[in-house]
Each structure stands twice: as structure tokens, then as C-alpha cells.
Amino acid sequence: MQQLKPQDLQHWLADPARAKPLLLDVREPWEYQYCHLPNAVLMPMNGIPGKLDQLDQLAPIVVICHHGMRSMQVGRYLEHNGFAHIYNLQGGVDAWAASVDPDMPTY
């Protein structure tokens, strides 16, 4: 699994020549409602095992949580289950807010 800094994700999302990744937010619904990256898909960590068939094993997936630990665990789980292009957002939404989107609420 590759680690992805918030600024690198920002550049990736802004690059029209590069396929957009699935932004997979694995936090709880209340966390997602409080703040999330645009176009992120909510799939709480505990529901991932039952929803693997809803994810494309060959697509780039950026896993996101609050600080980057839950997303790292989910990323490892996805790789163990055959997913090929997994990225962990280092520092999670907290780092995204601090370095990319200062208007994003934090908790």
C-alpha cells in the first residue's frame, strides 16, 4: 500500500490527464457528516468485509479516515483481498484540512 500525502492527492484530483481514484471514506456516518472530501464515498470500516463486491479490485482507491490509522488497516485488508491499487491518505481528513482545505471543519 502506498502512502499518499494530502498535497499529492490534491494534485492527482486536479490532473485532467489522470484517472480519478475512488475516495473511500471508512469513518463513521457522524464523522462523514461533519466533514469529508468532495466526492468521497462513505463505507464505514466495519462494513467493508460485506461490501467488497461493490469495489473494483483494479481501480485506484484512496482510503480515508480521521488520522490515517483506520484507513491503513482497511487498505491492508483490501490488498489482502486482491485489490491492486490501494493508497492511504496520510494523516486523514485532519491533515487534508490542515494542508489543503483550511475551511474544512475539524474535530
N, C-alpha and C. Protein backbone atom coordinates (compact mmCIF):
# COMPACT_ATOMS: atom_id res chain seq x y z
N MET A 1 0.84 -1.17 0.00
CA MET A 1 0.00 0.00 0.00
C MET A 1 0.89 1.24 0.00
N GLN A 2 0.51 2.16 -0.83
CA GLN A 2 1.27 3.40 -0.90
C GLN A 2 0.67 4.44 0.04
N GLN A 3 1.53 5.25 0.62
CA GLN A 3 1.09 6.36 1.45
C GLN A 3 1.00 7.60 0.55
N LEU A 4 -0.08 8.34 0.72
CA LEU A 4 -0.33 9.50 -0.14
C LEU A 4 -0.50 10.74 0.72
N LYS A 5 0.33 11.72 0.51
CA LYS A 5 0.21 12.98 1.25
C LYS A 5 -0.98 13.76 0.71
N PRO A 6 -1.62 14.55 1.57
CA PRO A 6 -2.78 15.32 1.11
C PRO A 6 -2.49 16.18 -0.12
N GLN A 7 -1.32 16.82 -0.17
CA GLN A 7 -0.99 17.66 -1.31
C GLN A 7 -0.88 16.83 -2.59
N ASP A 8 -0.36 15.62 -2.47
CA ASP A 8 -0.24 14.75 -3.64
C ASP A 8 -1.62 14.32 -4.14
N LEU A 9 -2.53 14.05 -3.21
CA LEU A 9 -3.90 13.72 -3.61
C LEU A 9 -4.56 14.93 -4.28
N GLN A 10 -4.33 16.10 -3.74
CA GLN A 10 -4.88 17.32 -4.34
C GLN A 10 -4.41 17.46 -5.79
N HIS A 11 -3.12 17.25 -6.04
CA HIS A 11 -2.59 17.34 -7.40
C HIS A 11 -3.17 16.26 -8.30
N TRP A 12 -3.33 15.06 -7.77
CA TRP A 12 -3.91 13.95 -8.53
C TRP A 12 -5.32 14.30 -8.96
N LEU A 13 -6.12 14.79 -8.02
CA LEU A 13 -7.52 15.11 -8.33
C LEU A 13 -7.63 16.26 -9.32
N ALA A 14 -6.65 17.14 -9.33
CA ALA A 14 -6.68 18.29 -10.24
C ALA A 14 -6.12 17.98 -11.62
N ASP A 15 -5.51 16.82 -11.80
CA ASP A 15 -4.86 16.47 -13.06
C ASP A 15 -5.87 15.84 -14.02
N PRO A 16 -6.26 16.57 -15.09
CA PRO A 16 -7.27 16.04 -16.01
C PRO A 16 -6.78 14.85 -16.82
N ALA A 17 -5.47 14.65 -16.89
CA ALA A 17 -4.92 13.54 -17.67
C ALA A 17 -4.86 12.23 -16.87
N ARG A 18 -5.16 12.31 -15.60
CA ARG A 18 -5.03 11.13 -14.74
C ARG A 18 -6.40 10.65 -14.28
N ALA A 19 -6.64 9.34 -14.35
CA ALA A 19 -7.92 8.78 -13.91
C ALA A 19 -8.12 9.08 -12.43
N LYS A 20 -9.33 9.46 -12.09
CA LYS A 20 -9.65 9.80 -10.70
C LYS A 20 -9.78 8.53 -9.86
N PRO A 21 -9.25 8.56 -8.64
CA PRO A 21 -9.39 7.41 -7.76
C PRO A 21 -10.76 7.41 -7.08
N LEU A 22 -11.14 6.26 -6.56
CA LEU A 22 -12.28 6.19 -5.66
C LEU A 22 -11.79 6.69 -4.32
N LEU A 23 -12.47 7.68 -3.77
CA LEU A 23 -12.14 8.18 -2.44
C LEU A 23 -13.04 7.43 -1.46
N LEU A 24 -12.47 6.47 -0.75
CA LEU A 24 -13.23 5.59 0.13
C LEU A 24 -13.05 6.03 1.57
N ASP A 25 -14.09 6.66 2.11
CA ASP A 25 -14.07 7.17 3.48
C ASP A 25 -14.59 6.08 4.40
N VAL A 26 -13.74 5.61 5.31
CA VAL A 26 -14.10 4.47 6.17
C VAL A 26 -14.47 4.89 7.60
N ARG A 27 -14.74 6.16 7.78
CA ARG A 27 -15.15 6.64 9.11
C ARG A 27 -16.62 6.31 9.36
N GLU A 28 -17.08 6.71 10.53
CA GLU A 28 -18.49 6.51 10.89
C GLU A 28 -19.34 7.61 10.24
N PRO A 29 -20.64 7.33 10.06
CA PRO A 29 -21.52 8.33 9.41
C PRO A 29 -21.48 9.71 10.07
N TRP A 30 -21.43 9.77 11.41
CA TRP A 30 -21.42 11.09 12.05
C TRP A 30 -20.16 11.86 11.70
N GLU A 31 -19.03 11.15 11.53
CA GLU A 31 -17.78 11.81 11.17
C GLU A 31 -17.87 12.35 9.74
N TYR A 32 -18.40 11.52 8.86
CA TYR A 32 -18.56 11.90 7.45
C TYR A 32 -19.48 13.12 7.32
N GLN A 33 -20.55 13.12 8.09
CA GLN A 33 -21.49 14.26 8.04
C GLN A 33 -20.82 15.55 8.51
N TYR A 34 -19.90 15.41 9.45
CA TYR A 34 -19.23 16.60 9.98
C TYR A 34 -18.29 17.20 8.95
N CYS A 35 -17.53 16.35 8.25
CA CYS A 35 -16.62 16.82 7.21
C CYS A 35 -16.19 15.64 6.35
N HIS A 36 -15.99 15.91 5.07
CA HIS A 36 -15.47 14.89 4.16
C HIS A 36 -14.93 15.55 2.89
N LEU A 37 -14.12 14.81 2.18
CA LEU A 37 -13.61 15.30 0.90
C LEU A 37 -14.73 15.24 -0.13
N PRO A 38 -14.77 16.19 -1.05
CA PRO A 38 -15.78 16.15 -2.11
C PRO A 38 -15.70 14.82 -2.88
N ASN A 39 -16.85 14.27 -3.17
CA ASN A 39 -17.00 13.03 -3.94
C ASN A 39 -16.53 11.78 -3.20
N ALA A 40 -16.21 11.88 -1.92
CA ALA A 40 -15.83 10.69 -1.16
C ALA A 40 -17.06 9.81 -0.93
N VAL A 41 -16.85 8.51 -0.98
CA VAL A 41 -17.90 7.53 -0.76
C VAL A 41 -17.75 6.99 0.66
N LEU A 42 -18.82 7.06 1.43
CA LEU A 42 -18.79 6.56 2.80
C LEU A 42 -19.04 5.06 2.82
N MET A 43 -18.11 4.34 3.44
CA MET A 43 -18.26 2.90 3.66
C MET A 43 -17.55 2.61 4.99
N PRO A 44 -18.28 2.71 6.11
CA PRO A 44 -17.62 2.54 7.41
C PRO A 44 -16.80 1.25 7.49
N MET A 45 -15.71 1.36 8.21
CA MET A 45 -14.73 0.29 8.33
C MET A 45 -15.37 -1.07 8.64
N ASN A 46 -16.30 -1.12 9.59
CA ASN A 46 -16.87 -2.41 9.98
C ASN A 46 -17.76 -3.03 8.91
N GLY A 47 -18.15 -2.27 7.90
CA GLY A 47 -18.98 -2.79 6.83
C GLY A 47 -18.21 -3.24 5.59
N ILE A 48 -16.91 -2.98 5.57
CA ILE A 48 -16.10 -3.29 4.39
C ILE A 48 -16.15 -4.77 4.01
N PRO A 49 -15.99 -5.70 4.94
CA PRO A 49 -15.98 -7.12 4.54
C PRO A 49 -17.22 -7.55 3.76
N GLY A 50 -18.37 -6.99 4.08
CA GLY A 50 -19.60 -7.36 3.39
C GLY A 50 -19.85 -6.60 2.10
N LYS A 51 -18.95 -5.67 1.77
CA LYS A 51 -19.18 -4.85 0.58
C LYS A 51 -18.03 -4.92 -0.42
N LEU A 52 -17.15 -5.88 -0.28
CA LEU A 52 -16.02 -5.98 -1.21
C LEU A 52 -16.47 -6.09 -2.65
N ASP A 53 -17.61 -6.74 -2.87
CA ASP A 53 -18.10 -6.91 -4.24
C ASP A 53 -18.58 -5.61 -4.87
N GLN A 54 -18.71 -4.55 -4.07
CA GLN A 54 -19.12 -3.24 -4.58
C GLN A 54 -17.91 -2.40 -5.03
N LEU A 55 -16.71 -2.92 -4.82
CA LEU A 55 -15.50 -2.18 -5.15
C LEU A 55 -14.77 -2.87 -6.31
N ASP A 56 -14.17 -2.05 -7.16
CA ASP A 56 -13.41 -2.55 -8.31
C ASP A 56 -11.98 -2.87 -7.86
N GLN A 57 -11.59 -4.14 -7.95
CA GLN A 57 -10.26 -4.55 -7.50
C GLN A 57 -9.12 -3.93 -8.29
N LEU A 58 -9.39 -3.45 -9.50
CA LEU A 58 -8.33 -2.89 -10.33
C LEU A 58 -8.27 -1.37 -10.32
N ALA A 59 -9.29 -0.74 -9.75
CA ALA A 59 -9.34 0.73 -9.73
C ALA A 59 -8.44 1.28 -8.63
N PRO A 60 -7.91 2.48 -8.83
CA PRO A 60 -7.17 3.12 -7.74
C PRO A 60 -8.15 3.54 -6.64
N ILE A 61 -7.82 3.18 -5.41
CA ILE A 61 -8.68 3.50 -4.27
C ILE A 61 -7.83 4.22 -3.22
N VAL A 62 -8.28 5.42 -2.84
CA VAL A 62 -7.64 6.16 -1.76
C VAL A 62 -8.53 5.98 -0.53
N VAL A 63 -7.97 5.34 0.49
CA VAL A 63 -8.73 5.07 1.72
C VAL A 63 -8.48 6.21 2.69
N ILE A 64 -9.58 6.70 3.29
CA ILE A 64 -9.54 7.92 4.10
C ILE A 64 -10.22 7.69 5.44
N CYS A 65 -9.60 8.22 6.50
CA CYS A 65 -10.25 8.23 7.82
C CYS A 65 -9.89 9.55 8.50
N HIS A 66 -9.97 9.59 9.82
CA HIS A 66 -9.70 10.82 10.55
C HIS A 66 -8.21 11.17 10.57
N HIS A 67 -7.37 10.22 11.00
CA HIS A 67 -5.93 10.48 11.11
C HIS A 67 -5.05 9.53 10.30
N GLY A 68 -5.63 8.56 9.61
CA GLY A 68 -4.85 7.69 8.75
C GLY A 68 -4.59 6.29 9.28
N MET A 69 -5.07 5.98 10.48
CA MET A 69 -4.82 4.65 11.05
C MET A 69 -5.88 3.63 10.62
N ARG A 70 -7.14 3.99 10.76
CA ARG A 70 -8.20 3.07 10.31
C ARG A 70 -8.07 2.82 8.81
N SER A 71 -7.77 3.87 8.07
CA SER A 71 -7.65 3.71 6.62
C SER A 71 -6.47 2.80 6.27
N MET A 72 -5.41 2.85 7.04
CA MET A 72 -4.27 1.96 6.79
C MET A 72 -4.68 0.50 7.03
N GLN A 73 -5.46 0.26 8.08
CA GLN A 73 -5.93 -1.10 8.36
C GLN A 73 -6.84 -1.59 7.23
N VAL A 74 -7.75 -0.74 6.78
CA VAL A 74 -8.65 -1.12 5.69
C VAL A 74 -7.85 -1.34 4.40
N GLY A 75 -6.88 -0.48 4.14
CA GLY A 75 -6.05 -0.64 2.96
C GLY A 75 -5.33 -1.98 2.94
N ARG A 76 -4.78 -2.37 4.08
CA ARG A 76 -4.11 -3.67 4.17
C ARG A 76 -5.12 -4.80 3.93
N TYR A 77 -6.30 -4.66 4.49
CA TYR A 77 -7.35 -5.67 4.29
C TYR A 77 -7.71 -5.79 2.81
N LEU A 78 -7.86 -4.65 2.15
CA LEU A 78 -8.20 -4.66 0.72
C LEU A 78 -7.09 -5.33 -0.09
N GLU A 79 -5.85 -4.98 0.20
CA GLU A 79 -4.74 -5.62 -0.52
C GLU A 79 -4.73 -7.12 -0.28
N HIS A 80 -4.96 -7.54 0.93
CA HIS A 80 -5.01 -8.97 1.27
C HIS A 80 -6.11 -9.68 0.48
N ASN A 81 -7.14 -8.94 0.10
CA ASN A 81 -8.26 -9.50 -0.64
C ASN A 81 -8.18 -9.23 -2.14
N GLY A 82 -6.99 -8.93 -2.63
CA GLY A 82 -6.77 -8.87 -4.07
C GLY A 82 -6.88 -7.52 -4.73
N PHE A 83 -7.03 -6.45 -3.96
CA PHE A 83 -7.11 -5.12 -4.56
C PHE A 83 -5.70 -4.64 -4.89
N ALA A 84 -5.55 -4.11 -6.10
CA ALA A 84 -4.22 -3.88 -6.64
C ALA A 84 -3.65 -2.47 -6.43
N HIS A 85 -4.49 -1.46 -6.32
CA HIS A 85 -4.00 -0.08 -6.31
C HIS A 85 -4.59 0.68 -5.12
N ILE A 86 -4.04 0.41 -3.94
CA ILE A 86 -4.55 1.00 -2.71
C ILE A 86 -3.59 2.07 -2.21
N TYR A 87 -4.17 3.20 -1.83
CA TYR A 87 -3.42 4.32 -1.27
C TYR A 87 -4.05 4.71 0.06
N ASN A 88 -3.22 5.02 1.03
CA ASN A 88 -3.69 5.51 2.32
C ASN A 88 -3.43 7.00 2.39
N LEU A 89 -4.47 7.78 2.69
CA LEU A 89 -4.29 9.22 2.84
C LEU A 89 -3.61 9.48 4.18
N GLN A 90 -2.34 9.85 4.13
CA GLN A 90 -1.56 10.11 5.35
C GLN A 90 -2.19 11.24 6.16
N GLY A 91 -2.45 10.96 7.42
CA GLY A 91 -3.00 11.99 8.30
C GLY A 91 -4.48 12.20 8.16
N GLY A 92 -5.12 11.51 7.21
CA GLY A 92 -6.57 11.55 7.04
C GLY A 92 -7.14 12.94 6.76
N VAL A 93 -8.43 13.08 7.08
CA VAL A 93 -9.10 14.36 6.82
C VAL A 93 -8.51 15.48 7.68
N ASP A 94 -7.93 15.12 8.81
CA ASP A 94 -7.31 16.13 9.67
C ASP A 94 -6.14 16.78 8.94
N ALA A 95 -5.29 15.98 8.31
CA ALA A 95 -4.15 16.52 7.55
C ALA A 95 -4.62 17.26 6.30
N TRP A 96 -5.69 16.73 5.66
CA TRP A 96 -6.25 17.40 4.48
C TRP A 96 -6.69 18.82 4.85
N ALA A 97 -7.40 18.94 5.98
CA ALA A 97 -7.88 20.25 6.43
C ALA A 97 -6.71 21.17 6.76
N ALA A 98 -5.69 20.64 7.38
CA ALA A 98 -4.54 21.46 7.79
C ALA A 98 -3.71 21.93 6.61
N SER A 99 -3.59 21.10 5.56
CA SER A 99 -2.65 21.46 4.50
C SER A 99 -3.28 21.79 3.15
N VAL A 100 -4.56 21.40 2.95
CA VAL A 100 -5.18 21.63 1.64
C VAL A 100 -6.42 22.51 1.74
N ASP A 101 -7.29 22.22 2.70
CA ASP A 101 -8.59 22.90 2.79
C ASP A 101 -8.80 23.47 4.20
N PRO A 102 -8.24 24.64 4.48
CA PRO A 102 -8.36 25.20 5.83
C PRO A 102 -9.79 25.55 6.23
N ASP A 103 -10.71 25.58 5.27
CA ASP A 103 -12.11 25.86 5.60
C ASP A 103 -12.87 24.61 6.06
N MET A 104 -12.24 23.44 5.91
CA MET A 104 -12.90 22.19 6.33
C MET A 104 -12.98 22.16 7.86
N PRO A 105 -14.16 21.83 8.40
CA PRO A 105 -14.25 21.69 9.86
C PRO A 105 -13.37 20.54 10.35
N THR A 106 -12.84 20.69 11.55
CA THR A 106 -12.04 19.61 12.13
C THR A 106 -12.63 19.22 13.48
N TYR A 107 -12.26 18.04 13.93
CA TYR A 107 -12.76 17.56 15.22
C TYR A 107 -11.68 16.76 15.92
